[in-house]
Amino acid sequence: MRREKLVEGEIYHICNKSIANFGIFNDIKNGYRFLYTLDYYNNQLVKTSFSDYINIKGSYEYDNVLFPRENSYLKFLGFCIMPDHYHLLVKILISDFSKYISKVENSYSKFFNAKFKRKGPLWQSRYRSVWIKSNEQLLHVHRYIHLNPTSSGLTKYPEEWILSSYKDFIKNPEFLNEKIKEISISNPVKYKKFVEEQRDYQKRLKQIKNLLLE
C-alpha cells in the first residue's frame, strides 16, 4: 500500500524501531551520529551524503536540531533516541517527508553496517507516523516521548537521558518562549511539572503492558 504524504503545516509523531530490537543506539556515540544525521539532512540544499561530508570535513559542527533554519524539510518539536528505536515530534514544512527520513535511515544503516561489519536491513519496518490533531494530543505525546527513558527503567529522571530534547525545554526558556510556540506551556517550570507528575504513572503502565505481553 502506498503511504500518503504527510501534510505541510501539520504535526506528526514519527517513530521507528531496529530489527529484532537490536541495540543500534546502545553506544552513545552511535546515538549522536544518528542525531547529527537528522540535523544534517534537514536541509533541502544538501547534495553531499553525510558520510562523504564527514570524510571531507573530519567532523560535524552540531548546534541543536531544535533550532529552526531556512530550507528545512521539517521543524523539530521534540525527540528521544532510545537504545533500539527513536521518537520524533515534527512539524512538516515540505510535504515530501519520506525523502528526508529515507536519507536519514539509509545513511545511518550504511554507517552502522560498515562500523560493525554487518549486512542487511537495520530497521524493523518503514517509519510509523501519527497525525497530531489537537493541543491536548500534542502535549500528551510530547510528554510521552520525553518520559520514554524513565518508563523503560533506563533513568530515574527524564533529564538524565542525554539523547533527548527534554533538558532543552526545562533548562532554556528560549525554546518554549520563542522557538517552539506550538507547545502551549511556555514556562519551563510548569512544563517540567506537567511532564514529571506523570513519570511514575507512565512507568506503571509500561510495566503492566509488559506483563500482559509476556
Protein backbone atom coordinates (compact mmCIF):
# COMPACT_ATOMS: atom_id res chain seq x y z
CA MET A 1 0.00 0.00 0.00
CA ARG A 2 1.33 3.41 -0.94
CA ARG A 3 1.86 5.70 2.02
CA GLU A 4 0.22 9.11 1.79
CA LYS A 5 2.47 12.14 2.03
CA LEU A 6 2.43 13.96 5.32
CA VAL A 7 0.65 17.31 5.11
CA GLU A 8 2.57 20.57 5.17
CA GLY A 9 1.93 22.63 8.29
CA GLU A 10 0.72 19.63 10.31
CA ILE A 11 2.41 17.98 13.29
CA TYR A 12 3.26 14.26 13.46
CA HIS A 13 4.76 11.79 15.88
CA ILE A 14 7.32 9.75 13.93
CA CYS A 15 8.97 6.59 15.21
CA ASN A 16 10.82 3.54 14.02
CA LYS A 17 12.47 0.56 15.66
CA SER A 18 15.52 -1.56 14.91
CA ILE A 19 15.15 -5.04 13.50
CA ALA A 20 14.89 -7.71 16.22
CA ASN A 21 15.09 -4.94 18.86
CA PHE A 22 18.79 -4.69 18.15
CA GLY A 23 20.57 -2.06 20.29
CA ILE A 24 21.65 0.19 17.44
CA PHE A 25 21.96 3.20 19.76
CA ASN A 26 23.43 1.48 22.84
CA ASP A 27 26.70 3.28 22.27
CA ILE A 28 26.23 7.00 22.98
CA LYS A 29 28.49 7.81 20.02
CA ASN A 30 26.13 5.94 17.71
CA GLY A 31 23.19 7.85 19.14
CA TYR A 32 24.93 11.14 18.48
CA ARG A 33 25.74 10.01 14.95
CA PHE A 34 22.02 9.47 14.33
CA LEU A 35 21.18 12.86 15.86
CA TYR A 36 23.76 14.59 13.67
CA THR A 37 22.33 12.76 10.65
CA LEU A 38 18.83 14.01 11.49
CA ASP A 39 20.20 17.54 11.66
CA TYR A 40 22.40 17.36 8.57
CA TYR A 41 19.76 16.12 6.14
CA ASN A 42 17.15 18.63 7.34
CA ASN A 43 18.22 20.94 4.54
CA GLN A 44 16.79 20.76 1.03
CA LEU A 45 20.01 22.19 -0.42
CA VAL A 46 22.22 19.35 0.84
CA LYS A 47 23.62 17.29 -2.04
CA THR A 48 26.56 15.52 -0.39
CA SER A 49 25.95 12.41 1.72
CA PHE A 50 26.67 12.75 5.41
CA SER A 51 29.42 10.12 5.28
CA ASP A 52 31.16 11.97 2.46
CA TYR A 53 30.79 15.23 4.36
CA ILE A 54 32.45 13.69 7.43
CA ASN A 55 35.24 12.24 5.29
CA ILE A 56 35.92 15.68 3.82
CA LYS A 57 35.46 17.84 6.92
CA GLY A 58 36.57 15.34 9.56
CA SER A 59 33.74 16.23 11.93
CA TYR A 60 30.27 17.78 12.09
CA GLU A 61 29.60 21.06 13.88
CA TYR A 62 26.31 20.34 15.61
CA ASP A 63 24.38 23.09 17.36
CA ASN A 64 20.86 21.88 18.16
CA VAL A 65 18.36 20.11 15.94
CA LEU A 66 15.59 22.13 17.63
CA PHE A 67 16.86 25.39 16.17
CA PRO A 68 14.72 26.34 13.14
CA ARG A 69 16.60 27.29 9.98
CA GLU A 70 15.96 28.04 6.32
CA ASN A 71 15.39 25.36 3.65
CA SER A 72 14.34 22.72 6.21
CA TYR A 73 12.08 19.78 5.47
CA LEU A 74 10.63 19.96 8.95
CA LYS A 75 10.69 21.70 12.31
CA PHE A 76 11.64 19.56 15.30
CA LEU A 77 9.36 19.98 18.31
CA GLY A 78 10.95 17.20 20.36
CA PHE A 79 12.89 13.96 20.13
CA CYS A 80 14.15 10.99 22.10
CA ILE A 81 16.63 8.40 20.84
CA MET A 82 16.31 5.13 22.74
CA PRO A 83 18.64 2.09 22.58
CA ASP A 84 16.60 0.33 19.88
CA HIS A 85 14.25 3.00 18.50
CA TYR A 86 13.66 6.70 18.04
CA HIS A 87 10.80 9.15 18.58
CA LEU A 88 10.45 12.43 16.71
CA LEU A 89 7.77 15.08 17.08
CA VAL A 90 7.88 17.26 13.99
CA LYS A 91 6.01 19.93 12.09
CA ILE A 92 6.11 19.28 8.36
CA LEU A 93 7.41 22.19 6.28
CA ILE A 94 7.82 20.32 2.99
CA SER A 95 5.35 17.53 2.21
CA ASP A 96 7.94 15.05 0.93
CA PHE A 97 8.94 13.85 4.40
CA SER A 98 9.63 10.33 3.12
CA LYS A 99 12.55 11.65 1.08
CA TYR A 100 14.10 13.18 4.18
CA ILE A 101 13.67 10.23 6.55
CA SER A 102 14.81 7.80 3.87
CA LYS A 103 18.10 9.70 3.59
CA VAL A 104 18.49 9.67 7.37
CA GLU A 105 17.76 5.98 7.90
CA ASN A 106 19.76 4.82 4.88
CA SER A 107 22.72 6.95 5.91
CA TYR A 108 22.71 5.59 9.43
CA SER A 109 22.28 2.00 8.22
CA LYS A 110 25.34 2.29 6.00
CA PHE A 111 27.35 3.82 8.82
CA PHE A 112 26.30 1.16 11.33
CA ASN A 113 26.82 -1.78 8.97
CA ALA A 114 30.26 -0.51 7.99
CA LYS A 115 31.28 0.10 11.59
CA PHE A 116 30.22 -3.36 12.79
CA LYS A 117 30.95 -5.24 9.56
CA ARG A 118 27.38 -6.46 9.16
CA LYS A 119 24.97 -6.71 6.25
CA GLY A 120 21.24 -6.46 5.85
CA PRO A 121 18.45 -4.14 6.96
CA LEU A 122 18.67 -2.21 10.22
CA TRP A 123 15.07 -1.12 10.62
CA GLN A 124 12.13 -3.31 11.59
CA SER A 125 9.82 -1.66 9.08
CA ARG A 126 9.07 1.66 7.47
CA TYR A 127 8.64 4.53 9.88
CA ARG A 128 5.27 4.99 11.57
CA SER A 129 3.52 8.34 11.74
CA VAL A 130 0.64 9.60 13.89
CA TRP A 131 -1.08 12.83 12.96
CA ILE A 132 -1.40 15.19 15.92
CA LYS A 133 -4.88 16.71 15.69
CA SER A 134 -5.27 18.69 18.91
CA ASN A 135 -3.33 20.62 21.52
CA GLU A 136 -4.22 18.03 24.14
CA GLN A 137 -2.81 15.25 21.99
CA LEU A 138 0.31 17.31 21.28
CA LEU A 139 1.03 17.82 24.98
CA HIS A 140 0.39 14.15 25.76
CA VAL A 141 2.73 12.93 23.01
CA HIS A 142 5.40 15.47 23.92
CA ARG A 143 5.33 14.21 27.50
CA TYR A 144 5.21 10.56 26.41
CA ILE A 145 8.32 10.98 24.24
CA HIS A 146 10.30 12.63 26.99
CA LEU A 147 9.26 10.04 29.59
CA ASN A 148 10.38 7.11 27.46
CA PRO A 149 13.72 6.62 29.29
CA THR A 150 12.07 6.58 32.73
CA SER A 151 9.19 4.38 31.57
CA SER A 152 11.73 1.86 30.32
CA GLY A 153 13.70 1.97 33.58
CA LEU A 154 16.81 3.45 31.97
CA THR A 155 16.89 6.56 34.15
CA LYS A 156 15.10 7.83 37.24
CA TYR A 157 14.55 11.31 35.84
CA PRO A 158 13.96 12.17 32.16
CA GLU A 159 16.57 14.95 32.14
CA GLU A 160 19.25 12.32 32.84
CA TRP A 161 18.78 10.86 29.37
CA ILE A 162 21.31 12.59 27.12
CA LEU A 163 19.77 11.77 23.74
CA SER A 164 16.53 13.64 24.38
CA SER A 165 15.27 17.19 23.93
CA TYR A 166 13.72 17.27 27.41
CA LYS A 167 16.65 19.05 29.07
CA ASP A 168 16.42 21.82 26.47
CA PHE A 169 12.81 22.55 27.40
CA ILE A 170 13.35 22.67 31.15
CA LYS A 171 16.70 24.47 31.20
CA ASN A 172 16.42 27.04 28.41
CA PRO A 173 13.30 29.29 28.44
CA GLU A 174 14.12 30.33 24.87
CA PHE A 175 12.67 27.13 23.43
CA LEU A 176 9.18 27.34 24.93
CA ASN A 177 9.01 31.14 24.81
CA GLU A 178 10.38 31.82 21.35
CA LYS A 179 11.44 28.91 19.19
CA ILE A 180 8.74 26.28 19.74
CA LYS A 181 5.49 28.09 20.39
CA GLU A 182 3.48 25.11 19.18
CA ILE A 183 3.76 23.79 22.75
CA SER A 184 1.11 25.67 24.74
CA ILE A 185 3.04 25.55 28.03
CA SER A 186 5.52 28.42 27.81
CA ASN A 187 7.04 28.22 31.28
CA PRO A 188 9.87 25.66 31.78
CA VAL A 189 8.97 25.12 35.45
CA LYS A 190 5.33 24.41 34.59
CA TYR A 191 6.39 22.17 31.72
CA LYS A 192 8.70 20.16 33.99
CA LYS A 193 5.85 19.71 36.48
CA PHE A 194 3.47 18.71 33.67
CA VAL A 195 5.87 16.01 32.47
CA GLU A 196 7.19 14.63 35.73
CA GLU A 197 3.87 14.43 37.56
CA GLN A 198 3.10 11.52 35.23
CA ARG A 199 6.52 9.88 35.49
CA ASP A 200 5.56 7.05 37.87
CA TYR A 201 2.14 6.54 36.28
CA GLN A 202 3.57 6.09 32.78
CA LYS A 203 6.20 3.70 34.12
CA ARG A 204 3.49 1.57 35.76
CA LEU A 205 1.56 1.47 32.51
CA LYS A 206 4.70 0.26 30.75
CA GLN A 207 5.21 -2.48 33.34
CA ILE A 208 1.59 -3.61 33.13
CA LYS A 209 1.79 -3.73 29.32
CA ASN A 210 4.93 -5.86 29.52
CA LEU A 211 3.29 -8.28 31.94
CA LEU A 212 0.32 -8.72 29.62
CA LEU A 213 2.56 -9.40 26.65
CA GLU A 214 4.91 -11.88 28.36
